[in-house]
Amino acid sequence: SRLTSGALACPLVANVAPRAHAMVALIWRSALLAALLVVGANALKAERHSSKTVDVEAAYSAEESSLMAQLAVMGREILDLAAEPVEKEAAPAQNATAAQKAAPPVKTFAKNAAVSQNRTETLMAQHDALKNMLAHLKSSIKNMNKQEAEGKESAKKQIEKLQKRLASETQRLNQSGLSDFDHELLVNRTRTDEKELEYWTRRRDLQHGMFHSSLKMTHGLMSKANAVIEAYNTVLATGKLSPELAKQLEAVSTQLPKKH
């Protein structure tokens, strides 16, 4: 009976060790997989931030094209108006000075065409649209400054967090007595955190560059919009467009997309 019991006990004891090793290996692989999933989630989060930045850039670019096209149409409208038939200019008086005779004629719009009621209403509507555009551009600058400040603060926090985490991981890697699992896990985390730190640093540089480019573009559009508004103000108030103002408007129009 004792022999039988011993014979049965030995194989059972012999089977415990392989099963324990298999269980430890399974737990080790599961823990490593969980760690890699966390690493992958951080990478995916960074990728989503990158996509959002690209979307914002595309939105600004599309808005720039739209506003420039609108300015081109309105600038051309007032210049076309200046080219319409004008009232016959009176000959210089006999006693006019040489400077008065040599002065370039001022374009005065024909009463029955340029300053007709319908045309005036159209110009007023376009003038209001230009003022709304200018207000929108000013609001855009305010929003850009806000986004720049928020992006700078967010990137600063993320970079500081990653730097602290990397310092801790590097310190742990230099410690003795690490298991193979802990060492491999720390190596993977360190490698991923270094890439993520590189991404956030580069992303911040790109955001800052985009901010300055957008700010410069918006200020340029505001300058052009102000020039067109000045022409509209003059025409609506006096019915005239001086050669100097027409020349300035022509210069602005050449920098805008042509009307198709």
C-alpha atoms as a PDB file:
ATOM      1  CA  SER A   1       0.000   0.000   0.000  1.00  0.00           C
ATOM      2  CA  ARG A   2       2.834   2.402   0.862  1.00  0.00           C
ATOM      3  CA  LEU A   3       4.667   1.477  -2.315  1.00  0.00           C
ATOM      4  CA  THR A   4       1.568   2.113  -4.358  1.00  0.00           C
ATOM      5  CA  SER A   5       1.010   5.461  -2.681  1.00  0.00           C
ATOM      6  CA  GLY A   6       4.659   6.468  -3.274  1.00  0.00           C
ATOM      7  CA  ALA A   7       4.495   5.445  -6.889  1.00  0.00           C
ATOM      8  CA  LEU A   8       1.450   7.620  -7.403  1.00  0.00           C
ATOM      9  CA  ALA A   9       2.899  10.588  -5.484  1.00  0.00           C
ATOM     10  CA  CYS A  10       6.108  10.887  -7.466  1.00  0.00           C
ATOM     11  CA  PRO A  11       4.522  11.562 -10.884  1.00  0.00           C
ATOM     12  CA  LEU A  12       2.155  14.116  -9.324  1.00  0.00           C
ATOM     13  CA  VAL A  13       5.053  16.005  -7.739  1.00  0.00           C
ATOM     14  CA  ALA A  14       6.994  15.790 -10.981  1.00  0.00           C
ATOM     15  CA  ASN A  15       4.088  17.377 -12.892  1.00  0.00           C
ATOM     16  CA  VAL A  16       3.764  20.375 -10.531  1.00  0.00           C
ATOM     17  CA  ALA A  17       6.999  22.072 -11.600  1.00  0.00           C
ATOM     18  CA  PRO A  18       6.287  22.206 -15.374  1.00  0.00           C
ATOM     19  CA  ARG A  19       2.780  23.493 -14.710  1.00  0.00           C
ATOM     20  CA  ALA A  20       4.099  26.230 -12.403  1.00  0.00           C
ATOM     21  CA  HIS A  21       6.677  27.284 -14.996  1.00  0.00           C
ATOM     22  CA  ALA A  22       3.988  27.395 -17.690  1.00  0.00           C
ATOM     23  CA  MET A  23       1.734  29.498 -15.475  1.00  0.00           C
ATOM     24  CA  VAL A  24       4.577  31.957 -14.701  1.00  0.00           C
ATOM     25  CA  ALA A  25       5.413  32.229 -18.401  1.00  0.00           C
ATOM     26  CA  LEU A  26       1.760  32.899 -19.230  1.00  0.00           C
ATOM     27  CA  ILE A  27       1.522  35.608 -16.548  1.00  0.00           C
ATOM     28  CA  TRP A  28       4.806  37.153 -17.781  1.00  0.00           C
ATOM     29  CA  ARG A  29       3.570  37.286 -21.381  1.00  0.00           C
ATOM     30  CA  SER A  30       0.213  38.736 -20.308  1.00  0.00           C
ATOM     31  CA  ALA A  31       1.879  41.468 -18.262  1.00  0.00           C
ATOM     32  CA  LEU A  32       4.209  42.316 -21.136  1.00  0.00           C
ATOM     33  CA  LEU A  33       1.264  42.460 -23.543  1.00  0.00           C
ATOM     34  CA  ALA A  34      -0.584  44.807 -21.171  1.00  0.00           C
ATOM     35  CA  ALA A  35       2.447  47.085 -20.991  1.00  0.00           C
ATOM     36  CA  LEU A  36       2.757  47.133 -24.779  1.00  0.00           C
ATOM     37  CA  LEU A  37      -0.942  48.017 -25.046  1.00  0.00           C
ATOM     38  CA  VAL A  38      -0.365  51.024 -22.778  1.00  0.00           C
ATOM     39  CA  VAL A  39       2.571  52.062 -24.945  1.00  0.00           C
ATOM     40  CA  GLY A  40       0.436  51.691 -28.065  1.00  0.00           C
ATOM     41  CA  ALA A  41      -2.346  53.775 -26.514  1.00  0.00           C
ATOM     42  CA  ASN A  42       0.105  56.623 -25.835  1.00  0.00           C
ATOM     43  CA  ALA A  43       1.347  56.471 -29.420  1.00  0.00           C
ATOM     44  CA  LEU A  44      -2.228  56.529 -30.728  1.00  0.00           C
ATOM     45  CA  LYS A  45      -3.010  59.552 -28.543  1.00  0.00           C
ATOM     46  CA  ALA A  46      -0.018  61.400 -29.984  1.00  0.00           C
ATOM     47  CA  GLU A  47      -1.094  60.499 -33.514  1.00  0.00           C
ATOM     48  CA  ARG A  48      -4.587  61.895 -32.864  1.00  0.00           C
ATOM     49  CA  HIS A  49      -3.069  65.161 -31.617  1.00  0.00           C
ATOM     50  CA  SER A  50      -1.059  65.329 -34.839  1.00  0.00           C
ATOM     51  CA  SER A  51      -4.168  64.802 -36.981  1.00  0.00           C
ATOM     52  CA  LYS A  52      -5.978  67.577 -35.101  1.00  0.00           C
ATOM     53  CA  THR A  53      -3.090  69.970 -35.842  1.00  0.00           C
ATOM     54  CA  VAL A  54      -3.241  69.110 -39.537  1.00  0.00           C
ATOM     55  CA  ASP A  55      -7.007  69.713 -39.552  1.00  0.00           C
ATOM     56  CA  VAL A  56      -6.545  73.189 -38.033  1.00  0.00           C
ATOM     57  CA  GLU A  57      -3.900  74.074 -40.614  1.00  0.00           C
ATOM     58  CA  ALA A  58      -6.174  72.956 -43.446  1.00  0.00           C
ATOM     59  CA  ALA A  59      -9.056  75.015 -42.023  1.00  0.00           C
ATOM     60  CA  TYR A  60      -6.928  78.172 -41.852  1.00  0.00           C
ATOM     61  CA  SER A  61      -5.663  77.623 -45.397  1.00  0.00           C
ATOM     62  CA  ALA A  62      -9.194  77.129 -46.763  1.00  0.00           C
ATOM     63  CA  GLU A  63     -10.450  80.252 -44.973  1.00  0.00           C
ATOM     64  CA  GLU A  64      -7.541  82.295 -46.327  1.00  0.00           C
ATOM     65  CA  SER A  65      -8.386  81.284 -49.905  1.00  0.00           C
ATOM     66  CA  SER A  66     -12.067  82.094 -49.401  1.00  0.00           C
ATOM     67  CA  LEU A  67     -11.433  85.544 -47.897  1.00  0.00           C
ATOM     68  CA  MET A  68      -8.883  86.451 -50.554  1.00  0.00           C
ATOM     69  CA  ALA A  69     -11.352  85.486 -53.277  1.00  0.00           C
ATOM     70  CA  GLN A  70     -14.027  87.695 -51.684  1.00  0.00           C
ATOM     71  CA  LEU A  71     -11.619  90.630 -51.456  1.00  0.00           C
ATOM     72  CA  ALA A  72     -10.643  90.149 -55.091  1.00  0.00           C
ATOM     73  CA  VAL A  73     -14.285  90.316 -56.204  1.00  0.00           C
ATOM     74  CA  MET A  74     -15.048  93.424 -54.145  1.00  0.00           C
ATOM     75  CA  GLY A  75     -11.870  95.210 -55.125  1.00  0.00           C
ATOM     76  CA  ARG A  76     -12.524  94.505 -58.782  1.00  0.00           C
ATOM     77  CA  GLU A  77     -16.098  95.724 -58.386  1.00  0.00           C
ATOM     78  CA  ILE A  78     -15.060  99.184 -57.241  1.00  0.00           C
ATOM     79  CA  LEU A  79     -12.350  99.408 -59.909  1.00  0.00           C
ATOM     80  CA  ASP A  80     -14.848  98.422 -62.619  1.00  0.00           C
ATOM     81  CA  LEU A  81     -17.107 101.126 -61.299  1.00  0.00           C
ATOM     82  CA  ALA A  82     -14.294 103.622 -61.661  1.00  0.00           C
ATOM     83  CA  ALA A  83     -13.876 102.600 -65.286  1.00  0.00           C
ATOM     84  CA  GLU A  84     -17.512 103.318 -66.182  1.00  0.00           C
ATOM     85  CA  PRO A  85     -18.388 106.402 -68.273  1.00  0.00           C
ATOM     86  CA  VAL A  86     -17.929 109.656 -66.407  1.00  0.00           C
ATOM     87  CA  GLU A  87     -19.454 113.057 -66.828  1.00  0.00           C
ATOM     88  CA  LYS A  88     -17.744 115.256 -69.334  1.00  0.00           C
ATOM     89  CA  GLU A  89     -15.028 117.231 -67.641  1.00  0.00           C
ATOM     90  CA  ALA A  90     -15.140 120.991 -67.910  1.00  0.00           C
ATOM     91  CA  ALA A  91     -12.193 122.643 -69.617  1.00  0.00           C
ATOM     92  CA  PRO A  92      -9.796 124.394 -67.238  1.00  0.00           C
ATOM     93  CA  ALA A  93     -10.659 128.014 -66.650  1.00  0.00           C
ATOM     94  CA  GLN A  94      -8.644 130.619 -68.487  1.00  0.00           C
ATOM     95  CA  ASN A  95      -7.306 131.989 -65.224  1.00  0.00           C
ATOM     96  CA  ALA A  96      -6.413 128.506 -63.818  1.00  0.00           C
ATOM     97  CA  THR A  97      -2.911 128.084 -62.529  1.00  0.00           C
ATOM     98  CA  ALA A  98      -0.399 125.865 -64.250  1.00  0.00           C
ATOM     99  CA  ALA A  99      -0.650 123.359 -61.348  1.00  0.00           C
ATOM    100  CA  GLN A 100      -4.430 123.189 -61.705  1.00  0.00           C
ATOM    101  CA  LYS A 101      -4.160 122.604 -65.466  1.00  0.00           C
ATOM    102  CA  ALA A 102      -1.535 119.887 -64.972  1.00  0.00           C
ATOM    103  CA  ALA A 103      -3.405 118.073 -62.149  1.00  0.00           C
ATOM    104  CA  PRO A 104      -4.779 114.638 -63.165  1.00  0.00           C
ATOM    105  CA  PRO A 105      -8.551 114.518 -63.604  1.00  0.00           C
ATOM    106  CA  VAL A 106     -10.613 113.040 -60.786  1.00  0.00           C
ATOM    107  CA  LYS A 107     -13.018 110.343 -61.892  1.00  0.00           C
ATOM    108  CA  THR A 108     -16.583 111.374 -61.105  1.00  0.00           C
ATOM    109  CA  PHE A 109     -19.186 108.700 -61.628  1.00  0.00           C
ATOM    110  CA  ALA A 110     -22.076 109.453 -63.983  1.00  0.00           C
ATOM    111  CA  LYS A 111     -25.156 110.392 -62.003  1.00  0.00           C
ATOM    112  CA  ASN A 112     -27.461 108.056 -63.909  1.00  0.00           C
ATOM    113  CA  ALA A 113     -25.133 105.053 -63.726  1.00  0.00           C
ATOM    114  CA  ALA A 114     -22.531 104.918 -60.971  1.00  0.00           C
ATOM    115  CA  VAL A 115     -24.493 106.514 -58.199  1.00  0.00           C
ATOM    116  CA  SER A 116     -27.882 105.185 -59.117  1.00  0.00           C
ATOM    117  CA  GLN A 117     -30.026 104.012 -56.222  1.00  0.00           C
ATOM    118  CA  ASN A 118     -29.625 100.328 -57.063  1.00  0.00           C
ATOM    119  CA  ARG A 119     -25.874 100.609 -57.438  1.00  0.00           C
ATOM    120  CA  THR A 120     -25.575 102.535 -54.189  1.00  0.00           C
ATOM    121  CA  GLU A 121     -27.518  99.823 -52.343  1.00  0.00           C
ATOM    122  CA  THR A 122     -25.212  97.178 -53.829  1.00  0.00           C
ATOM    123  CA  LEU A 123     -22.134  99.108 -52.773  1.00  0.00           C
ATOM    124  CA  MET A 124     -23.527  99.589 -49.279  1.00  0.00           C
ATOM    125  CA  ALA A 125     -24.160  95.839 -48.957  1.00  0.00           C
ATOM    126  CA  GLN A 126     -20.622  95.068 -50.112  1.00  0.00           C
ATOM    127  CA  HIS A 127     -19.260  97.715 -47.770  1.00  0.00           C
ATOM    128  CA  ASP A 128     -21.054  96.071 -44.835  1.00  0.00           C
ATOM    129  CA  ALA A 129     -19.690  92.671 -45.913  1.00  0.00           C
ATOM    130  CA  LEU A 130     -16.172  94.107 -45.917  1.00  0.00           C
ATOM    131  CA  LYS A 131     -16.634  95.494 -42.413  1.00  0.00           C
ATOM    132  CA  ASN A 132     -17.894  92.099 -41.244  1.00  0.00           C
ATOM    133  CA  MET A 133     -14.868  90.452 -42.853  1.00  0.00           C
ATOM    134  CA  LEU A 134     -12.560  92.864 -41.033  1.00  0.00           C
ATOM    135  CA  ALA A 135     -14.301  92.122 -37.719  1.00  0.00           C
ATOM    136  CA  HIS A 136     -13.957  88.385 -38.403  1.00  0.00           C
ATOM    137  CA  LEU A 137     -10.224  88.758 -39.073  1.00  0.00           C
ATOM    138  CA  LYS A 138      -9.762  90.659 -35.806  1.00  0.00           C
ATOM    139  CA  SER A 139     -11.646  87.893 -33.988  1.00  0.00           C
ATOM    140  CA  SER A 140      -9.447  85.285 -35.691  1.00  0.00           C
ATOM    141  CA  ILE A 141      -6.319  86.982 -34.355  1.00  0.00           C
ATOM    142  CA  LYS A 142      -7.784  86.890 -30.849  1.00  0.00           C
ATOM    143  CA  ASN A 143      -8.575  83.175 -31.217  1.00  0.00           C
ATOM    144  CA  MET A 144      -5.120  82.424 -32.622  1.00  0.00           C
ATOM    145  CA  ASN A 145      -3.449  84.134 -29.660  1.00  0.00           C
ATOM    146  CA  LYS A 146      -5.635  82.120 -27.292  1.00  0.00           C
ATOM    147  CA  GLN A 147      -4.870  78.819 -29.066  1.00  0.00           C
ATOM    148  CA  GLU A 148      -1.160  79.637 -29.083  1.00  0.00           C
ATOM    149  CA  ALA A 149      -1.160  80.256 -25.324  1.00  0.00           C
ATOM    150  CA  GLU A 150      -3.165  77.082 -24.633  1.00  0.00           C
ATOM    151  CA  GLY A 151      -0.997  74.980 -26.962  1.00  0.00           C
ATOM    152  CA  LYS A 152       2.173  76.297 -25.371  1.00  0.00           C
ATOM    153  CA  GLU A 153       0.949  75.480 -21.864  1.00  0.00           C
ATOM    154  CA  SER A 154      -0.335  72.023 -22.866  1.00  0.00           C
ATOM    155  CA  ALA A 155       2.929  71.102 -24.601  1.00  0.00           C
ATOM    156  CA  LYS A 156       4.954  72.385 -21.649  1.00  0.00           C
ATOM    157  CA  LYS A 157       3.045  70.149 -19.217  1.00  0.00           C
ATOM    158  CA  GLN A 158       3.319  67.116 -21.484  1.00  0.00           C
ATOM    159  CA  ILE A 159       7.043  67.610 -22.082  1.00  0.00           C
ATOM    160  CA  GLU A 160       7.761  68.072 -18.366  1.00  0.00           C
ATOM    161  CA  LYS A 161       5.758  64.935 -17.530  1.00  0.00           C
ATOM    162  CA  LEU A 162       7.672  62.875 -20.097  1.00  0.00           C
ATOM    163  CA  GLN A 163      11.042  64.225 -18.950  1.00  0.00           C
ATOM    164  CA  LYS A 164      10.296  63.262 -15.343  1.00  0.00           C
ATOM    165  CA  ARG A 165       9.101  59.818 -16.409  1.00  0.00           C
ATOM    166  CA  LEU A 166      12.222  59.255 -18.504  1.00  0.00           C
ATOM    167  CA  ALA A 167      14.468  60.309 -15.638  1.00  0.00           C
ATOM    168  CA  SER A 168      12.715  57.828 -13.336  1.00  0.00           C
ATOM    169  CA  GLU A 169      12.921  55.008 -15.899  1.00  0.00           C
ATOM    170  CA  THR A 170      16.599  55.671 -16.566  1.00  0.00           C
ATOM    171  CA  GLN A 171      17.335  55.606 -12.850  1.00  0.00           C
ATOM    172  CA  ARG A 172      15.523  52.286 -12.445  1.00  0.00           C
ATOM    173  CA  LEU A 173      17.369  50.793 -15.429  1.00  0.00           C
ATOM    174  CA  ASN A 174      20.685  51.596 -13.737  1.00  0.00           C
ATOM    175  CA  GLN A 175      19.665  49.707 -10.631  1.00  0.00           C
ATOM    176  CA  SER A 176      21.002  46.202 -10.079  1.00  0.00           C
ATOM    177  CA  GLY A 177      18.861  43.176  -9.423  1.00  0.00           C
ATOM    178  CA  LEU A 178      16.229  43.841 -12.102  1.00  0.00           C
ATOM    179  CA  SER A 179      14.414  40.782 -13.410  1.00  0.00           C
ATOM    180  CA  ASP A 180      14.448  40.117 -17.145  1.00  0.00           C
ATOM    181  CA  PHE A 181      10.795  41.073 -17.318  1.00  0.00           C
ATOM    182  CA  ASP A 182      11.271  44.416 -15.511  1.00  0.00           C
ATOM    183  CA  HIS A 183      14.334  45.246 -17.608  1.00  0.00           C
ATOM    184  CA  GLU A 184      12.585  44.539 -20.910  1.00  0.00           C
ATOM    185  CA  LEU A 185       9.512  46.460 -19.787  1.00  0.00           C
ATOM    186  CA  LEU A 186      11.585  49.511 -18.799  1.00  0.00           C
ATOM    187  CA  VAL A 187      13.553  49.410 -22.042  1.00  0.00           C
ATOM    188  CA  ASN A 188      10.307  49.423 -24.064  1.00  0.00           C
ATOM    189  CA  ARG A 189       8.813  52.223 -21.971  1.00  0.00           C
ATOM    190  CA  THR A 190      11.971  54.323 -22.224  1.00  0.00           C
ATOM    191  CA  ARG A 191      12.140  53.893 -25.990  1.00  0.00           C
ATOM    192  CA  THR A 192       8.487  54.869 -26.391  1.00  0.00           C
ATOM    193  CA  ASP A 193       8.724  57.848 -24.033  1.00  0.00           C
ATOM    194  CA  GLU A 194      11.763  59.144 -25.912  1.00  0.00           C
ATOM    195  CA  LYS A 195       9.811  58.995 -29.179  1.00  0.00           C
ATOM    196  CA  GLU A 196       6.806  60.668 -27.563  1.00  0.00           C
ATOM    197  CA  LEU A 197       9.023  63.423 -26.122  1.00  0.00           C
ATOM    198  CA  GLU A 198      10.543  63.974 -29.558  1.00  0.00           C
ATOM    199  CA  TYR A 199       7.039  64.173 -31.044  1.00  0.00           C
ATOM    200  CA  TRP A 200       5.743  66.743 -28.527  1.00  0.00           C
ATOM    201  CA  THR A 201       8.848  68.908 -28.898  1.00  0.00           C
ATOM    202  CA  ARG A 202       8.611  68.860 -32.680  1.00  0.00           C
ATOM    203  CA  ARG A 203       4.844  69.391 -32.578  1.00  0.00           C
ATOM    204  CA  ARG A 204       5.281  72.491 -30.433  1.00  0.00           C
ATOM    205  CA  ASP A 205       7.835  73.933 -32.869  1.00  0.00           C
ATOM    206  CA  LEU A 206       5.447  73.318 -35.777  1.00  0.00           C
ATOM    207  CA  GLN A 207       2.515  74.863 -33.909  1.00  0.00           C
ATOM    208  CA  HIS A 208       4.526  77.966 -33.083  1.00  0.00           C
ATOM    209  CA  GLY A 209       5.636  78.327 -36.698  1.00  0.00           C
ATOM    210  CA  MET A 210       2.059  77.885 -37.919  1.00  0.00           C
ATOM    211  CA  PHE A 211       0.895  80.544 -35.435  1.00  0.00           C
ATOM    212  CA  HIS A 212       3.316  83.131 -36.804  1.00  0.00           C
ATOM    213  CA  SER A 213       2.484  82.259 -40.415  1.00  0.00           C
ATOM    214  CA  SER A 214      -1.265  82.521 -39.747  1.00  0.00           C
ATOM    215  CA  LEU A 215      -0.810  85.792 -37.857  1.00  0.00           C
ATOM    216  CA  LYS A 216       1.196  87.294 -40.709  1.00  0.00           C
ATOM    217  CA  MET A 217      -1.374  86.104 -43.262  1.00  0.00           C
ATOM    218  CA  THR A 218      -4.278  87.553 -41.274  1.00  0.00           C
ATOM    219  CA  HIS A 219      -2.595  90.922 -40.802  1.00  0.00           C
ATOM    220  CA  GLY A 220      -1.930  90.987 -44.548  1.00  0.00           C
ATOM    221  CA  LEU A 221      -5.583  90.279 -45.292  1.00  0.00           C
ATOM    222  CA  MET A 222      -6.649  93.012 -42.852  1.00  0.00           C
ATOM    223  CA  SER A 223      -4.395  95.511 -44.609  1.00  0.00           C
ATOM    224  CA  LYS A 224      -5.911  94.626 -47.993  1.00  0.00           C
ATOM    225  CA  ALA A 225      -9.451  94.726 -46.580  1.00  0.00           C
ATOM    226  CA  ASN A 226      -8.803  98.198 -45.126  1.00  0.00           C
ATOM    227  CA  ALA A 227      -7.592  99.432 -48.512  1.00  0.00           C
ATOM    228  CA  VAL A 228     -10.749  98.177 -50.242  1.00  0.00           C
ATOM    229  CA  ILE A 229     -12.954  99.615 -47.466  1.00  0.00           C
ATOM    230  CA  GLU A 230     -11.273 103.013 -47.882  1.00  0.00           C
ATOM    231  CA  ALA A 231     -12.127 102.978 -51.578  1.00  0.00           C
ATOM    232  CA  TYR A 232     -15.752 102.096 -50.839  1.00  0.00           C
ATOM    233  CA  ASN A 233     -15.953 104.848 -48.193  1.00  0.00           C
ATOM    234  CA  THR A 234     -14.657 107.424 -50.652  1.00  0.00           C
ATOM    235  CA  VAL A 235     -16.989 106.400 -53.483  1.00  0.00           C
ATOM    236  CA  LEU A 236     -20.053 106.257 -51.237  1.00  0.00           C
ATOM    237  CA  ALA A 237     -19.272 109.631 -49.659  1.00  0.00           C
ATOM    238  CA  THR A 238     -18.142 111.632 -52.711  1.00  0.00           C
ATOM    239  CA  GLY A 239     -18.923 109.593 -55.800  1.00  0.00           C
ATOM    240  CA  LYS A 240     -15.261 109.992 -56.748  1.00  0.00           C
ATOM    241  CA  LEU A 241     -12.206 107.790 -56.895  1.00  0.00           C
ATOM    242  CA  SER A 242      -8.956 109.712 -57.142  1.00  0.00           C
ATOM    243  CA  PRO A 243      -6.117 108.371 -59.321  1.00  0.00           C
ATOM    244  CA  GLU A 244      -3.987 107.844 -56.204  1.00  0.00           C
ATOM    245  CA  LEU A 245      -6.622 105.713 -54.488  1.00  0.00           C
ATOM    246  CA  ALA A 246      -7.339 103.808 -57.702  1.00  0.00           C
ATOM    247  CA  LYS A 247      -3.626 103.074 -58.042  1.00  0.00           C
ATOM    248  CA  GLN A 248      -3.445 101.768 -54.465  1.00  0.00           C
ATOM    249  CA  LEU A 249      -6.456  99.551 -55.083  1.00  0.00           C
ATOM    250  CA  GLU A 250      -4.917  98.220 -58.300  1.00  0.00           C
ATOM    251  CA  ALA A 251      -1.795  97.298 -56.339  1.00  0.00           C
ATOM    252  CA  VAL A 252      -3.912  95.419 -53.799  1.00  0.00           C
ATOM    253  CA  SER A 253      -5.900  93.662 -56.525  1.00  0.00           C
ATOM    254  CA  THR A 254      -2.768  92.347 -58.214  1.00  0.00           C
ATOM    255  CA  GLN A 255      -1.912  90.473 -54.988  1.00  0.00           C
ATOM    256  CA  LEU A 256      -5.314  88.767 -54.880  1.00  0.00           C
ATOM    257  CA  PRO A 257      -6.567  85.805 -56.952  1.00  0.00           C
ATOM    258  CA  LYS A 258      -8.150  86.718 -60.266  1.00  0.00           C
ATOM    259  CA  LYS A 259     -11.896  86.465 -60.620  1.00  0.00           C
ATOM    260  CA  HIS A 260     -12.920  83.497 -62.808  1.00  0.00           C
END
